[in-house]
Structure formats: structure tokens, C-alpha cells
């Protein structure tokens, strides 16, 4: 009888988790920040990967992270490679599109601690209050990966990390 109850509870948990995970197979997180600075200064802080350590939420969390920029920095094809958390975090992000002073598109290739290929698109709009930087994060995954993201609350962590990155970008430009 106890095994039947445990089995039913486990089946209910997995069923509910798969239902919730189905909604996490495609994640989009859009955040924005208004920065007081010139359009050129704000745009170049994002476009030039050598600047990423100044506003990287991942480097803020793991200051011992090793990183390297490959290719022509500030151009399509430039890559920011990282190894952090004593080799447990590995990947790179690559600039895939630039529209000067309006847009920077990046594709990530995360190899550890999980495999993923999220995108980060940054758009820049000049307003009376400053430069609005909009970050559009997208991640597609399979049902199994989405189940584990649901089980560990990964989307909330992604939202927090993206907000932290934009706050650090604002701080880096406005200092």
C-alpha cells in the first residue's frame, strides 16, 4: 500500500512537472534599462566584447572566471569565451549581427554545466531620459531539459541574472 501511494505521488509529480515543463521549452525574457550616457558609449559597451567583464553578471558571481576575446572585437564573428567555476562552466558568445547604434545580436554556445544555445539581442533607443537598452533573451530546449529547468527554478534565476547584467551595464557606463 505504501509503495502504491509513493508511486502515485511520484507519477503525479512527474506528470505535473512535464505539464509545467512544456511551457518552458521556449523561454523569452525581455528586460530593459535606461542609461545616462551617449548612444555611442552605451552601444560600444555592448558591441566590444572586451567590455563585457565590466558588466558581466557571471564574472561578478565568479571573479576567478577565465575569459578571452577571439576574432575582431566589435565585429560580426567576434567571440567571448569563458571557463568558470573551476572548469564547470564553459562556453562562448558570438556576435552574429550589428546595426550600428541600434542593435547587437549574440548567439551563445554553452557547453557546461548543460548544453544550450540561447540568444541575446540588444536594441538601443535614444530618449529624453537617456539610452534605453532592451535585452531580448531566448532559449529553446527539449522537454527533458525543460523539466529540469522547472524542477530547479531556472527561469527565475535567468531573469535575476539578466536584470543583474543590465544593472551592471548601467553602472559601468554611468560611473
Protein backbone atom coordinates (compact mmCIF):
# COMPACT_ATOMS: atom_id res chain seq x y z
CA UNK A 1 0.00 0.00 0.00
CA UNK A 2 2.81 2.43 0.89
CA UNK A 3 4.54 1.67 -2.44
CA UNK A 4 1.29 2.40 -4.29
CA UNK A 5 0.97 5.79 -2.55
CA UNK A 6 4.62 6.64 -3.22
CA UNK A 7 4.23 5.52 -6.84
CA UNK A 8 1.08 7.60 -7.31
CA UNK A 9 2.72 10.66 -5.74
CA UNK A 10 5.80 10.24 -7.94
CA UNK A 11 3.64 9.82 -11.05
CA UNK A 12 1.64 12.93 -10.12
CA UNK A 13 4.87 14.93 -9.56
CA UNK A 14 6.33 13.85 -12.89
CA UNK A 15 3.03 14.46 -14.71
CA UNK A 16 2.67 17.94 -13.21
CA UNK A 17 6.35 18.64 -13.91
CA UNK A 18 6.01 17.63 -17.57
CA UNK A 19 2.94 19.84 -17.89
CA UNK A 20 4.84 22.82 -16.43
CA UNK A 21 7.97 21.95 -18.42
CA UNK A 22 6.04 22.10 -21.67
CA UNK A 23 5.69 25.84 -21.07
CA UNK A 24 9.46 26.18 -20.57
CA UNK A 25 10.53 24.60 -23.86
CA UNK A 26 10.60 28.11 -25.29
CA UNK A 27 11.71 30.86 -22.90
CA UNK A 28 11.81 34.54 -23.72
CA UNK A 29 12.90 37.13 -21.18
CA UNK A 30 12.76 40.80 -22.15
CA UNK A 31 14.32 43.36 -19.82
CA UNK A 32 15.33 46.97 -20.32
CA UNK A 33 17.29 49.68 -18.58
CA UNK A 34 17.68 53.41 -19.17
CA UNK A 35 21.29 54.59 -19.06
CA UNK A 36 22.52 58.16 -18.83
CA UNK A 37 25.30 58.33 -21.39
CA UNK A 38 25.89 58.92 -25.05
CA UNK A 39 24.45 56.49 -27.56
CA UNK A 40 27.98 55.73 -28.75
CA UNK A 41 29.27 54.97 -25.25
CA UNK A 42 26.35 52.70 -24.37
CA UNK A 43 26.39 50.91 -27.75
CA UNK A 44 30.15 50.34 -27.64
CA UNK A 45 29.98 48.94 -24.10
CA UNK A 46 27.86 46.10 -25.54
CA UNK A 47 29.38 45.83 -29.02
CA UNK A 48 33.00 45.44 -27.88
CA UNK A 49 33.33 42.12 -26.06
CA UNK A 50 36.46 43.36 -24.26
CA UNK A 51 34.00 45.47 -22.22
CA UNK A 52 31.83 42.53 -21.13
CA UNK A 53 33.87 41.86 -17.95
CA UNK A 54 32.82 45.34 -16.76
CA UNK A 55 29.15 44.30 -16.70
CA UNK A 56 29.08 40.50 -16.76
CA UNK A 57 26.82 39.07 -14.04
CA UNK A 58 28.68 35.76 -14.43
CA UNK A 59 32.08 37.33 -13.73
CA UNK A 60 30.56 39.21 -10.77
CA UNK A 61 29.42 35.84 -9.39
CA UNK A 62 32.70 34.05 -10.21
CA UNK A 63 35.61 36.55 -10.23
CA UNK A 64 38.08 33.72 -10.91
CA UNK A 65 36.43 33.05 -14.28
CA UNK A 66 38.90 32.98 -17.18
CA UNK A 67 37.88 34.68 -20.40
CA UNK A 68 39.26 35.54 -23.82
CA UNK A 69 38.02 37.52 -26.82
CA UNK A 70 38.68 35.87 -30.19
CA UNK A 71 38.31 37.39 -33.65
CA UNK A 72 37.95 41.07 -34.46
CA UNK A 73 36.36 42.61 -31.39
CA UNK A 74 33.28 44.69 -32.15
CA UNK A 75 32.61 42.89 -35.45
CA UNK A 76 30.32 40.06 -36.52
CA UNK A 77 32.09 36.79 -35.70
CA UNK A 78 33.89 38.08 -32.59
CA UNK A 79 33.62 35.63 -29.69
CA UNK A 80 33.87 35.92 -25.91
CA UNK A 81 34.99 32.55 -24.48
CA UNK A 82 34.77 31.70 -20.78
CA UNK A 83 35.74 28.96 -18.35
CA UNK A 84 34.50 29.40 -14.81
CA UNK A 85 33.53 27.64 -11.61
CA UNK A 86 36.74 25.57 -11.69
CA UNK A 87 36.02 24.30 -15.21
CA UNK A 88 32.34 23.51 -14.56
CA UNK A 89 31.08 26.48 -16.65
CA UNK A 90 32.31 26.54 -20.25
CA UNK A 91 31.07 28.30 -23.36
CA UNK A 92 31.23 31.32 -25.60
CA UNK A 93 29.04 34.02 -27.06
CA UNK A 94 29.42 35.28 -30.59
CA UNK A 95 28.29 38.49 -32.23
CA UNK A 96 26.03 37.47 -35.12
CA UNK A 97 24.54 40.82 -36.17
CA UNK A 98 25.29 44.51 -35.72
CA UNK A 99 23.25 47.51 -36.81
CA UNK A 100 25.37 50.45 -35.66
CA UNK A 101 23.95 52.28 -32.65
CA UNK A 102 20.66 50.35 -32.94
CA UNK A 103 21.21 46.60 -32.44
CA UNK A 104 23.68 43.88 -31.39
CA UNK A 105 22.69 40.22 -31.71
CA UNK A 106 24.59 37.46 -29.93
CA UNK A 107 24.37 33.68 -30.03
CA UNK A 108 25.69 31.73 -27.03
CA UNK A 109 27.09 28.23 -27.12
CA UNK A 110 27.05 26.87 -23.57
CA UNK A 111 28.80 23.51 -23.15
CA UNK A 112 28.84 23.17 -19.35
CA UNK A 113 27.12 22.75 -16.89
CA UNK A 114 24.46 22.00 -19.53
CA UNK A 115 24.26 22.31 -23.30
CA UNK A 116 22.24 25.27 -24.58
CA UNK A 117 22.27 27.86 -27.36
CA UNK A 118 20.42 30.94 -26.10
CA UNK A 119 20.39 34.24 -27.97
CA UNK A 120 20.76 37.74 -26.58
CA UNK A 121 19.53 40.63 -28.73
CA UNK A 122 20.24 44.18 -27.58
CA UNK A 123 18.43 47.18 -29.05
CA UNK A 124 19.26 50.80 -28.29
CA UNK A 125 16.80 53.70 -28.33
CA UNK A 126 17.60 57.31 -27.54
CA UNK A 127 15.06 59.04 -25.26
CA UNK A 128 14.93 62.28 -23.28
CA UNK A 129 15.89 60.30 -20.15
CA UNK A 130 18.86 58.52 -21.71
CA UNK A 131 19.57 55.45 -23.82
CA UNK A 132 17.10 52.60 -23.36
CA UNK A 133 18.82 49.25 -23.76
CA UNK A 134 16.38 46.40 -24.34
CA UNK A 135 17.71 42.88 -23.88
CA UNK A 136 15.70 40.09 -25.53
CA UNK A 137 16.84 36.65 -24.30
CA UNK A 138 15.55 33.49 -26.00
CA UNK A 139 16.18 29.83 -25.22
CA UNK A 140 14.70 26.78 -26.91
CA UNK A 141 15.04 23.38 -25.23
CA UNK A 142 13.66 19.88 -25.23
CA UNK A 143 11.05 18.58 -22.79
CA UNK A 144 13.58 16.77 -20.56
CA UNK A 145 15.79 19.87 -20.23
CA UNK A 146 12.68 21.99 -19.60
CA UNK A 147 11.58 19.57 -16.86
CA UNK A 148 14.87 20.08 -15.02
CA UNK A 149 14.66 23.85 -15.53
CA UNK A 150 11.20 23.74 -13.94
CA UNK A 151 12.35 21.46 -11.10
CA UNK A 152 15.24 23.78 -10.20
CA UNK A 153 13.53 27.14 -10.86
CA UNK A 154 15.94 28.02 -13.65
CA UNK A 155 13.73 30.62 -15.35
CA UNK A 156 13.57 32.77 -12.21
CA UNK A 157 17.37 32.54 -11.93
CA UNK A 158 17.75 33.53 -15.60
CA UNK A 159 15.51 36.56 -15.04
CA UNK A 160 17.55 37.60 -11.99
CA UNK A 161 20.84 37.17 -13.87
CA UNK A 162 19.62 39.19 -16.87
CA UNK A 163 18.41 42.02 -14.58
CA UNK A 164 21.76 41.99 -12.78
CA UNK A 165 23.64 42.20 -16.09
CA UNK A 166 21.66 45.25 -17.20
CA UNK A 167 22.14 46.90 -13.80
CA UNK A 168 25.89 46.30 -14.10
CA UNK A 169 25.84 47.70 -17.67
CA UNK A 170 24.17 50.86 -16.37
CA UNK A 171 26.73 51.14 -13.57
CA UNK A 172 29.68 50.59 -15.96
CA UNK A 173 28.54 53.38 -18.28
CA UNK A 174 27.39 55.86 -15.63
CA UNK A 175 30.43 55.57 -13.34
